[in-house]
Amino acid sequence: FPYKKSPDCCLHLSLGGQPRNVQPFSDEDASIETMSHCSGFSDPASFTEDGPEVDEEATQEDLEYKLKGFIDLTLDKSAKTRQAALESLKSAFSSKILYEFIMERRMTLTDSIERCIKKGKSDEQCAAAGLACLLCVQMGSGIESEEIFKTLGPVLKKIVCDGTASIQARQACATCLGICCFIVTDDITELYSTMECLENIFMKAYQRDRDTNGVSSTPNTVLHVSALLAWTLLLTICPMNEVKKKIEMHLHKLPSLLSCDDLNMRIAAGETLALLFELARETDADFFYEDMDLLTEKLRALATDGNKHRAKVDKRKQRSVFRDVLRAVEERDFPTEMVKFGPERMYIDCWVKKQTYETFKEILGSGMQYHLQSNDFLRNVFELGPPVMLDAATLKTMKISRFERHLYNSAAFKARTKARSKCRDKRADVGEFF
């Protein structure tokens, strides 16, 4: 951060367009403010047994002072300074709830993001698109978010479709377009328009398969993957009649992408297929897919892939994903996962929920658990109800002692070591351990 309070309350600023030494938003800032701002939602493990009292009002003022500075720096002449400010705002927005602060400055933030996407280079555009996602996550669905999307939507679409823009910027804007539309759009026309924009991008991956047995990856493949995943997210909120149209349009084309030599494309195509089958069977219990034998043969080959030319890590990841995809397509089964956040638990029991969770987890990173606890929009998406209010005394009684935690960690470490030892046989086909 380029300036700080001095005893006489002066601001020390570097002048001109030279890059400034922007101190990024730190984990310490995040942890202190997260605790003070929303202690009722905090993970019990985050409480210290005899920690010092925190002046919440002073901490909040200090945080807002820093964030105001970062917002100002998004207008700096130096691209390096602007990007650092955007990254610091992203860190803050992902690690805590700042609804009131953002509400007062949403138009300023929107203007800064729009300017950085329009005029910035690749890295700055990516950072700005990421911040736009987090801005909408913070604001949730409402009139204010719709205003933000009305401003940023056309800009994002323009970059996504601009063949002269960098692939990384187009990729980031495609992801941002899907997430922001998912959050804010009540207008069905805008939803369909956004999906069509994303379709026009990833459908180009189909075209390369017309005269070949496989699909070779290109520099555009990462863009196609992001567009496909963003489109799939939006499909989960479409009316059933539109879902049927999209299934008829894509279900016979997507299997061609399973032959792509890019791992992420294969996985994106496989997971999208699983989701399409899930939706198809919801709309029609007697849904029948004509090429089921050929498809399951492809999926089974990917679930047992032993290609020596692929990295072991990639093969393990692919096999793990496609075992689940095969079960979904062939047996209509989904391996339920449990997500823990604070004193709560959430069960992911279908592909639609999994796709939504993975999308927001990618955006929020380590802040996902905190937002699941306290972000009204996300709690509504996952049907978690109002935030669970627990006072500090209750949370403290739930906290296990350091000695008990040490014993638990030791036992878990021994169990993992033992399991790994059993699976070191090269013939064993195992997934990742957590």
Protein backbone atom coordinates (compact mmCIF):
# COMPACT_ATOMS: atom_id res chain seq x y z
CA PHE A 1 0.00 0.00 0.00
CA PRO A 2 1.64 3.25 -1.14
CA TYR A 3 0.58 5.45 1.72
CA LYS A 4 -0.16 5.23 5.41
CA LYS A 5 -1.34 7.40 8.24
CA SER A 6 1.29 9.66 9.77
CA PRO A 7 0.95 11.30 13.19
CA ASP A 8 -0.36 14.49 11.57
CA CYS A 9 -2.82 12.50 9.39
CA CYS A 10 -1.08 13.46 6.14
CA LEU A 11 -1.13 11.09 3.17
CA HIS A 12 2.20 10.27 1.58
CA LEU A 13 1.62 9.66 -2.12
CA SER A 14 4.05 9.02 -4.92
CA LEU A 15 3.32 11.41 -7.76
CA GLY A 16 3.26 10.89 -11.51
CA GLY A 17 2.87 7.66 -13.42
CA GLN A 18 5.68 5.69 -11.82
CA PRO A 19 4.73 2.26 -10.42
CA ARG A 20 4.00 2.43 -6.72
CA ASN A 21 4.87 -0.13 -4.14
CA VAL A 22 1.34 -1.38 -3.46
CA GLN A 23 1.17 -3.43 -0.31
CA PRO A 24 -1.32 -6.20 -1.09
CA PHE A 25 -4.27 -7.08 1.07
CA SER A 26 -2.78 -9.59 3.50
CA ASP A 27 -4.04 -12.77 5.13
CA GLU A 28 -3.63 -11.03 8.47
CA ASP A 29 -6.00 -8.27 7.34
CA ALA A 30 -8.46 -10.91 6.22
CA SER A 31 -8.36 -13.02 9.37
CA ILE A 32 -8.68 -10.10 11.78
CA GLU A 33 -11.53 -8.47 9.90
CA THR A 34 -13.33 -11.72 9.21
CA MET A 35 -13.36 -12.48 12.91
CA SER A 36 -14.42 -9.03 14.00
CA HIS A 37 -16.95 -8.38 11.25
CA CYS A 38 -18.83 -11.65 11.50
CA SER A 39 -17.76 -13.49 14.64
CA GLY A 40 -21.14 -15.22 14.84
CA PHE A 41 -20.34 -17.19 11.69
CA SER A 42 -16.70 -17.99 12.32
CA ASP A 43 -15.25 -21.45 12.40
CA PRO A 44 -14.82 -22.49 16.06
CA ALA A 45 -11.28 -23.62 15.31
CA SER A 46 -10.37 -20.02 14.51
CA PHE A 47 -10.96 -18.81 18.06
CA THR A 48 -7.99 -18.62 20.40
CA GLU A 49 -8.73 -19.76 23.91
CA ASP A 50 -7.38 -16.63 25.61
CA GLY A 51 -6.88 -14.17 22.77
CA PRO A 52 -6.71 -10.40 23.24
CA GLU A 53 -9.82 -8.33 22.68
CA VAL A 54 -10.09 -6.70 19.27
CA ASP A 55 -11.35 -3.17 18.78
CA GLU A 56 -13.86 -4.01 16.05
CA GLU A 57 -14.68 -0.41 15.15
CA ALA A 58 -11.02 0.58 14.79
CA THR A 59 -10.28 -2.57 12.75
CA GLN A 60 -13.20 -1.85 10.43
CA GLU A 61 -12.08 1.76 9.92
CA ASP A 62 -8.52 0.65 9.15
CA LEU A 63 -9.79 -1.94 6.66
CA GLU A 64 -12.04 0.55 4.88
CA TYR A 65 -9.20 3.07 4.76
CA LYS A 66 -7.03 0.53 2.94
CA LEU A 67 -9.79 -0.52 0.56
CA LYS A 68 -10.57 3.09 -0.37
CA GLY A 69 -6.91 3.51 -1.25
CA PHE A 70 -6.96 0.41 -3.46
CA ILE A 71 -10.07 1.67 -5.26
CA ASP A 72 -8.33 5.00 -5.95
CA LEU A 73 -5.28 3.15 -7.28
CA THR A 74 -7.36 1.33 -9.92
CA LEU A 75 -7.25 4.69 -11.75
CA ASP A 76 -3.47 5.06 -11.52
CA LYS A 77 -1.41 5.74 -14.66
CA SER A 78 0.80 2.72 -13.97
CA ALA A 79 -0.61 -0.58 -15.23
CA LYS A 80 1.42 -2.43 -12.59
CA THR A 81 -0.13 -0.35 -9.81
CA ARG A 82 -3.65 -0.80 -11.18
CA GLN A 83 -3.24 -4.56 -11.39
CA ALA A 84 -1.85 -4.78 -7.85
CA ALA A 85 -4.80 -2.75 -6.56
CA LEU A 86 -7.27 -5.02 -8.40
CA GLU A 87 -5.63 -8.12 -6.93
CA SER A 88 -5.76 -6.65 -3.41
CA LEU A 89 -9.47 -5.86 -3.80
CA LYS A 90 -10.06 -9.41 -5.06
CA SER A 91 -8.35 -10.80 -1.96
CA ALA A 92 -10.50 -8.64 0.33
CA PHE A 93 -13.77 -9.41 -1.47
CA SER A 94 -13.14 -13.17 -1.42
CA SER A 95 -12.25 -13.30 2.27
CA LYS A 96 -15.06 -11.33 3.89
CA ILE A 97 -18.52 -9.82 3.47
CA LEU A 98 -18.33 -6.10 2.60
CA TYR A 99 -21.87 -5.47 1.39
CA GLU A 100 -22.42 -2.02 2.92
CA PHE A 101 -18.97 -0.74 1.96
CA ILE A 102 -19.43 -1.94 -1.63
CA MET A 103 -23.02 -0.70 -1.88
CA GLU A 104 -21.83 2.88 -1.35
CA ARG A 105 -19.10 2.52 -3.99
CA ARG A 106 -20.57 0.07 -6.48
CA MET A 107 -20.71 2.54 -9.38
CA THR A 108 -17.11 3.67 -8.78
CA LEU A 109 -15.98 0.04 -8.69
CA THR A 110 -18.00 -0.78 -11.82
CA ASP A 111 -16.47 2.16 -13.70
CA SER A 112 -12.95 1.12 -12.66
CA ILE A 113 -13.52 -2.49 -13.73
CA GLU A 114 -14.99 -1.39 -17.06
CA ARG A 115 -12.03 0.90 -17.73
CA CYS A 116 -9.47 -1.79 -16.84
CA ILE A 117 -11.15 -4.38 -19.07
CA LYS A 118 -11.45 -1.98 -22.00
CA LYS A 119 -8.02 -0.37 -21.86
CA GLY A 120 -5.82 -2.75 -19.88
CA LYS A 121 -3.52 -5.48 -21.13
CA SER A 122 -4.06 -9.21 -20.59
CA ASP A 123 -3.14 -9.55 -16.88
CA GLU A 124 -5.03 -6.41 -15.90
CA GLN A 125 -8.11 -7.55 -17.84
CA CYS A 126 -8.00 -10.93 -16.07
CA ALA A 127 -7.74 -9.26 -12.65
CA ALA A 128 -10.60 -6.88 -13.48
CA ALA A 129 -12.83 -9.73 -14.70
CA GLY A 130 -12.10 -11.67 -11.50
CA LEU A 131 -13.00 -8.63 -9.41
CA ALA A 132 -16.26 -8.22 -11.36
CA CYS A 133 -17.22 -11.80 -10.39
CA LEU A 134 -16.54 -11.11 -6.73
CA LEU A 135 -18.40 -7.80 -6.88
CA CYS A 136 -21.54 -9.63 -8.02
CA VAL A 137 -21.02 -12.41 -5.46
CA GLN A 138 -20.87 -9.73 -2.75
CA MET A 139 -23.94 -7.86 -4.00
CA GLY A 140 -26.03 -10.97 -4.70
CA SER A 141 -29.13 -10.90 -6.89
CA GLY A 142 -30.91 -7.57 -6.90
CA ILE A 143 -31.43 -4.31 -8.76
CA GLU A 144 -27.93 -3.03 -7.91
CA SER A 145 -26.31 -6.15 -9.36
CA GLU A 146 -28.44 -5.89 -12.47
CA GLU A 147 -27.16 -2.36 -12.99
CA ILE A 148 -23.59 -3.63 -12.68
CA PHE A 149 -24.22 -6.37 -15.24
CA LYS A 150 -25.93 -3.98 -17.65
CA THR A 151 -22.71 -1.97 -17.68
CA LEU A 152 -20.20 -4.82 -17.71
CA GLY A 153 -22.10 -7.46 -19.73
CA PRO A 154 -21.62 -5.86 -23.16
CA VAL A 155 -17.93 -5.18 -22.40
CA LEU A 156 -17.35 -8.80 -21.36
CA LYS A 157 -19.12 -10.14 -24.47
CA LYS A 158 -17.04 -7.89 -26.70
CA ILE A 159 -13.77 -9.21 -25.24
CA VAL A 160 -14.95 -12.84 -25.36
CA CYS A 161 -15.72 -12.51 -29.08
CA ASP A 162 -12.66 -10.40 -29.93
CA GLY A 163 -10.20 -12.60 -31.79
CA THR A 164 -7.45 -10.02 -31.34
CA ALA A 165 -7.67 -10.02 -27.52
CA SER A 166 -5.40 -12.33 -25.52
CA ILE A 167 -6.69 -15.87 -24.88
CA GLN A 168 -6.24 -15.41 -21.12
CA ALA A 169 -8.37 -12.24 -21.11
CA ARG A 170 -11.08 -13.88 -23.24
CA GLN A 171 -11.04 -16.91 -20.95
CA ALA A 172 -11.40 -14.77 -17.80
CA CYS A 173 -14.19 -12.72 -19.38
CA ALA A 174 -16.07 -15.87 -20.46
CA THR A 175 -16.00 -17.18 -16.89
CA CYS A 176 -17.01 -13.77 -15.52
CA LEU A 177 -19.85 -13.48 -18.03
CA GLY A 178 -21.30 -16.83 -16.99
CA ILE A 179 -21.04 -16.22 -13.24
CA CYS A 180 -22.39 -12.67 -13.30
CA CYS A 181 -25.29 -13.69 -15.54
CA PHE A 182 -26.04 -16.63 -13.20
CA ILE A 183 -26.18 -14.28 -10.20
CA VAL A 184 -28.08 -11.28 -11.49
CA THR A 185 -30.18 -12.13 -14.55
CA ASP A 186 -33.93 -12.42 -14.17
CA ASP A 187 -34.38 -11.44 -17.81
CA ILE A 188 -34.75 -14.69 -19.77
CA THR A 189 -33.80 -12.92 -23.00
CA GLU A 190 -30.46 -11.84 -21.51
CA LEU A 191 -29.86 -15.35 -20.21
CA TYR A 192 -30.38 -16.87 -23.67
CA SER A 193 -28.27 -14.16 -25.31
CA THR A 194 -25.37 -14.85 -22.93
CA MET A 195 -25.61 -18.59 -23.48
CA GLU A 196 -25.57 -18.08 -27.24
CA CYS A 197 -22.42 -15.97 -26.95
CA LEU A 198 -20.69 -18.75 -24.97
CA GLU A 199 -22.03 -21.44 -27.32
CA ASN A 200 -20.52 -19.69 -30.31
CA ILE A 201 -17.14 -20.00 -28.62
CA PHE A 202 -17.03 -23.63 -27.46
CA MET A 203 -18.88 -25.02 -30.50
CA LYS A 204 -15.76 -24.20 -32.53
CA ALA A 205 -14.13 -27.14 -30.76
CA TYR A 206 -16.69 -29.44 -32.44
CA GLN A 207 -15.69 -28.26 -35.90
CA ARG A 208 -12.13 -29.50 -35.59
CA ASP A 209 -13.40 -33.06 -35.23
CA ARG A 210 -15.16 -33.29 -38.58
CA ASP A 211 -12.38 -34.88 -40.61
CA THR A 212 -10.21 -36.39 -37.86
CA ASN A 213 -10.41 -39.24 -35.40
CA GLY A 214 -9.44 -37.01 -32.49
CA VAL A 215 -9.43 -33.38 -31.43
CA SER A 216 -6.07 -31.68 -31.14
CA SER A 217 -5.78 -28.93 -28.59
CA THR A 218 -4.94 -25.42 -29.76
CA PRO A 219 -4.16 -22.18 -27.91
CA ASN A 220 -7.92 -21.56 -27.99
CA THR A 221 -8.72 -24.76 -26.08
CA VAL A 222 -8.52 -23.07 -22.66
CA LEU A 223 -11.06 -20.52 -23.91
CA HIS A 224 -13.35 -23.28 -25.18
CA VAL A 225 -13.16 -25.04 -21.80
CA SER A 226 -14.07 -21.88 -19.86
CA ALA A 227 -16.91 -21.06 -22.25
CA LEU A 228 -18.29 -24.61 -21.99
CA LEU A 229 -18.21 -24.59 -18.18
CA ALA A 230 -19.81 -21.12 -17.99
CA TRP A 231 -22.52 -22.22 -20.44
CA THR A 232 -23.16 -25.38 -18.39
CA LEU A 233 -23.60 -23.28 -15.24
CA LEU A 234 -26.24 -21.15 -16.98
CA LEU A 235 -28.00 -24.25 -18.30
CA THR A 236 -28.76 -25.25 -14.69
CA ILE A 237 -31.08 -22.23 -14.29
CA CYS A 238 -32.83 -22.51 -17.67
CA PRO A 239 -36.53 -23.43 -17.99
CA MET A 240 -37.08 -27.10 -18.78
CA ASN A 241 -38.26 -26.48 -22.34
CA GLU A 242 -34.97 -24.69 -23.09
CA VAL A 243 -33.00 -27.45 -21.37
CA LYS A 244 -34.60 -29.99 -23.70
CA LYS A 245 -33.59 -27.94 -26.76
CA LYS A 246 -29.99 -27.66 -25.57
CA ILE A 247 -29.78 -31.37 -24.79
CA GLU A 248 -31.00 -32.23 -28.29
CA MET A 249 -28.50 -29.78 -29.75
CA HIS A 250 -25.38 -30.84 -27.84
CA LEU A 251 -25.72 -34.35 -26.44
CA HIS A 252 -24.60 -35.99 -29.70
CA LYS A 253 -21.76 -33.53 -30.28
CA LEU A 254 -20.13 -33.38 -26.85
CA PRO A 255 -18.76 -36.97 -26.94
CA SER A 256 -16.37 -35.91 -29.72
CA LEU A 257 -14.56 -33.67 -27.19
CA LEU A 258 -13.75 -36.73 -25.07
CA SER A 259 -11.05 -37.49 -27.65
CA CYS A 260 -9.32 -34.12 -27.21
CA ASP A 261 -5.67 -34.39 -26.18
CA ASP A 262 -6.21 -31.66 -23.56
CA LEU A 263 -7.06 -33.13 -20.14
CA ASN A 264 -9.16 -30.17 -19.00
CA MET A 265 -11.29 -30.34 -22.14
CA ARG A 266 -11.87 -34.07 -21.69
CA ILE A 267 -12.92 -33.54 -18.07
CA ALA A 268 -15.13 -30.52 -18.87
CA ALA A 269 -16.86 -32.47 -21.65
CA GLY A 270 -17.32 -35.53 -19.41
CA GLU A 271 -18.78 -33.58 -16.51
CA THR A 272 -21.06 -31.64 -18.85
CA LEU A 273 -22.32 -34.91 -20.32
CA ALA A 274 -23.06 -36.25 -16.84
CA LEU A 275 -25.01 -33.07 -16.04
CA LEU A 276 -26.93 -33.23 -19.34
CA PHE A 277 -27.95 -36.83 -18.67
CA GLU A 278 -29.07 -35.85 -15.16
CA LEU A 279 -31.21 -32.99 -16.50
CA ALA A 280 -32.56 -35.12 -19.36
CA ARG A 281 -33.75 -37.80 -16.93
CA GLU A 282 -35.36 -35.16 -14.74
CA THR A 283 -37.40 -33.90 -17.68
CA ASP A 284 -38.17 -37.40 -18.97
CA ALA A 285 -37.90 -40.47 -16.73
CA ASP A 286 -37.86 -42.69 -19.85
CA PHE A 287 -35.13 -40.71 -21.59
CA PHE A 288 -33.28 -42.88 -24.13
CA TYR A 289 -29.92 -42.11 -25.72
CA GLU A 290 -29.37 -43.96 -29.01
CA ASP A 291 -25.57 -44.17 -28.90
CA MET A 292 -25.37 -45.27 -25.27
CA ASP A 293 -23.14 -48.28 -25.96
CA LEU A 294 -20.59 -46.23 -27.88
CA LEU A 295 -20.61 -43.49 -25.24
CA THR A 296 -20.18 -45.84 -22.28
CA GLU A 297 -17.35 -47.56 -24.13
CA LYS A 298 -15.57 -44.19 -24.49
CA LEU A 299 -16.18 -43.28 -20.86
CA ARG A 300 -14.98 -46.67 -19.62
CA ALA A 301 -11.78 -46.31 -21.66
CA LEU A 302 -11.11 -42.93 -20.03
CA ALA A 303 -11.94 -44.31 -16.59
CA THR A 304 -9.30 -47.03 -17.03
CA ASP A 305 -6.82 -45.12 -19.18
CA GLY A 306 -3.27 -46.45 -18.92
CA ASN A 307 -1.69 -44.40 -21.73
CA LYS A 308 2.04 -44.27 -21.02
CA HIS A 309 2.40 -40.93 -22.79
CA ARG A 310 0.28 -39.15 -20.16
CA ALA A 311 1.53 -37.95 -16.80
CA LYS A 312 0.62 -40.14 -13.82
CA VAL A 313 -1.09 -37.25 -12.03
CA ASP A 314 -3.22 -36.52 -15.10
CA LYS A 315 -4.16 -40.18 -15.47
CA ARG A 316 -5.20 -40.45 -11.82
CA LYS A 317 -7.30 -37.30 -12.05
CA GLN A 318 -8.92 -38.43 -15.30
CA ARG A 319 -9.71 -41.92 -14.03
CA SER A 320 -11.24 -40.53 -10.83
CA VAL A 321 -13.50 -38.09 -12.73
CA PHE A 322 -14.60 -40.52 -15.42
CA ARG A 323 -15.45 -43.28 -12.96
CA ASP A 324 -18.03 -40.87 -11.55
CA VAL A 325 -19.17 -39.76 -15.01
CA LEU A 326 -19.60 -43.39 -16.12
CA ARG A 327 -21.67 -44.16 -13.01
CA ALA A 328 -23.87 -41.14 -13.74
CA VAL A 329 -24.47 -42.04 -17.38
CA GLU A 330 -24.73 -45.80 -17.00
CA GLU A 331 -26.20 -46.29 -13.51
CA ARG A 332 -27.84 -42.90 -12.78
CA ASP A 333 -25.72 -42.72 -9.64
CA PHE A 334 -23.84 -39.83 -8.00
CA PRO A 335 -21.18 -40.22 -5.27
CA THR A 336 -22.43 -37.84 -2.57
CA GLU A 337 -19.81 -35.48 -1.16
CA MET A 338 -19.91 -33.62 2.15
CA VAL A 339 -18.58 -30.08 2.57
CA LYS A 340 -17.85 -28.80 6.08
CA PHE A 341 -17.87 -25.11 6.97
CA GLY A 342 -17.82 -24.04 10.60
CA PRO A 343 -20.43 -25.99 12.57
CA GLU A 344 -22.45 -26.75 9.39
CA ARG A 345 -22.42 -29.47 6.75
CA MET A 346 -23.62 -29.42 3.15
CA TYR A 347 -24.15 -32.50 1.00
CA ILE A 348 -23.47 -32.32 -2.72
CA ASP A 349 -25.73 -35.00 -4.12
CA CYS A 350 -26.14 -34.21 -7.81
CA TRP A 351 -24.16 -32.91 -10.79
CA VAL A 352 -26.03 -29.61 -10.90
CA LYS A 353 -25.03 -28.85 -7.32
CA LYS A 354 -21.48 -30.04 -7.93
CA GLN A 355 -21.08 -27.82 -10.99
CA THR A 356 -22.37 -24.78 -9.10
CA TYR A 357 -20.19 -25.46 -6.05
CA GLU A 358 -17.02 -25.98 -8.09
CA THR A 359 -17.63 -22.75 -10.04
CA PHE A 360 -17.91 -20.56 -6.94
CA LYS A 361 -15.09 -22.40 -5.20
CA GLU A 362 -12.82 -21.53 -8.14
CA ILE A 363 -13.71 -17.85 -7.77
CA LEU A 364 -13.65 -17.58 -3.96
CA GLY A 365 -10.75 -19.93 -3.27
CA SER A 366 -10.02 -20.24 0.44
CA GLY A 367 -12.88 -17.81 1.17
CA MET A 368 -15.51 -20.33 -0.01
CA GLN A 369 -16.18 -21.71 3.48
CA TYR A 370 -16.57 -18.24 4.97
CA HIS A 371 -19.00 -17.18 2.24
CA LEU A 372 -21.01 -20.38 2.66
CA GLN A 373 -21.40 -19.46 6.32
CA SER A 374 -22.33 -15.82 5.91
CA ASN A 375 -23.15 -14.86 2.29
CA ASP A 376 -26.95 -14.72 1.95
CA PHE A 377 -26.82 -15.17 -1.83
CA LEU A 378 -24.71 -18.35 -1.72
CA ARG A 379 -26.75 -19.77 1.14
CA ASN A 380 -29.86 -19.21 -0.94
CA VAL A 381 -28.28 -20.90 -3.99
CA PHE A 382 -27.42 -24.00 -1.95
CA GLU A 383 -30.66 -23.87 0.08
CA LEU A 384 -28.84 -23.52 3.41
CA GLY A 385 -31.32 -21.12 4.98
CA PRO A 386 -30.41 -18.02 7.01
CA PRO A 387 -26.86 -17.83 8.47
CA VAL A 388 -26.46 -19.78 11.70
CA MET A 389 -25.97 -17.33 14.53
CA LEU A 390 -23.70 -18.67 17.28
CA ASP A 391 -22.30 -16.54 20.05
CA ALA A 392 -18.62 -16.60 21.00
CA ALA A 393 -19.29 -18.61 24.20
CA THR A 394 -21.03 -21.40 22.26
CA LEU A 395 -18.26 -21.52 19.68
CA LYS A 396 -15.63 -21.66 22.41
CA THR A 397 -17.28 -24.70 24.00
CA MET A 398 -17.18 -26.41 20.59
CA LYS A 399 -13.44 -25.80 20.24
CA ILE A 400 -11.32 -28.85 20.97
CA SER A 401 -8.16 -28.43 22.99
CA ARG A 402 -4.76 -28.18 21.36
CA PHE A 403 -3.78 -31.58 22.80
CA GLU A 404 -6.93 -33.26 21.42
CA ARG A 405 -6.31 -31.66 18.04
CA HIS A 406 -2.71 -32.94 18.12
CA LEU A 407 -3.90 -36.50 18.83
CA TYR A 408 -6.46 -36.31 16.02
CA ASN A 409 -3.91 -35.00 13.51
CA SER A 410 -1.41 -37.70 14.51
CA ALA A 411 -4.00 -40.44 14.03
CA ALA A 412 -5.06 -39.00 10.67
CA PHE A 413 -1.43 -38.80 9.53
CA LYS A 414 -0.82 -42.44 10.47
CA ALA A 415 -4.00 -43.54 8.67
CA ARG A 416 -3.00 -41.69 5.50
CA THR A 417 0.51 -43.16 5.61
CA LYS A 418 -0.87 -46.66 6.06
CA ALA A 419 -3.35 -46.24 3.19
CA ARG A 420 -0.68 -44.88 0.86
CA SER A 421 1.66 -47.76 1.69
CA LYS A 422 -0.99 -50.25 0.62
CA CYS A 423 -1.53 -48.42 -2.65
CA ARG A 424 2.07 -48.09 -3.76
CA ASP A 425 1.70 -51.21 -5.86
CA LYS A 426 1.92 -49.99 -9.44
CA ARG A 427 -1.14 -52.03 -10.33
CA ALA A 428 -3.33 -50.12 -7.88
CA ASP A 429 -5.61 -47.58 -9.48
CA VAL A 430 -6.38 -44.98 -6.85
CA GLY A 431 -7.63 -41.43 -6.67
CA GLU A 432 -6.30 -38.59 -4.58
CA PHE A 433 -6.20 -38.75 -0.79
CA PHE A 434 -7.46 -35.90 1.33
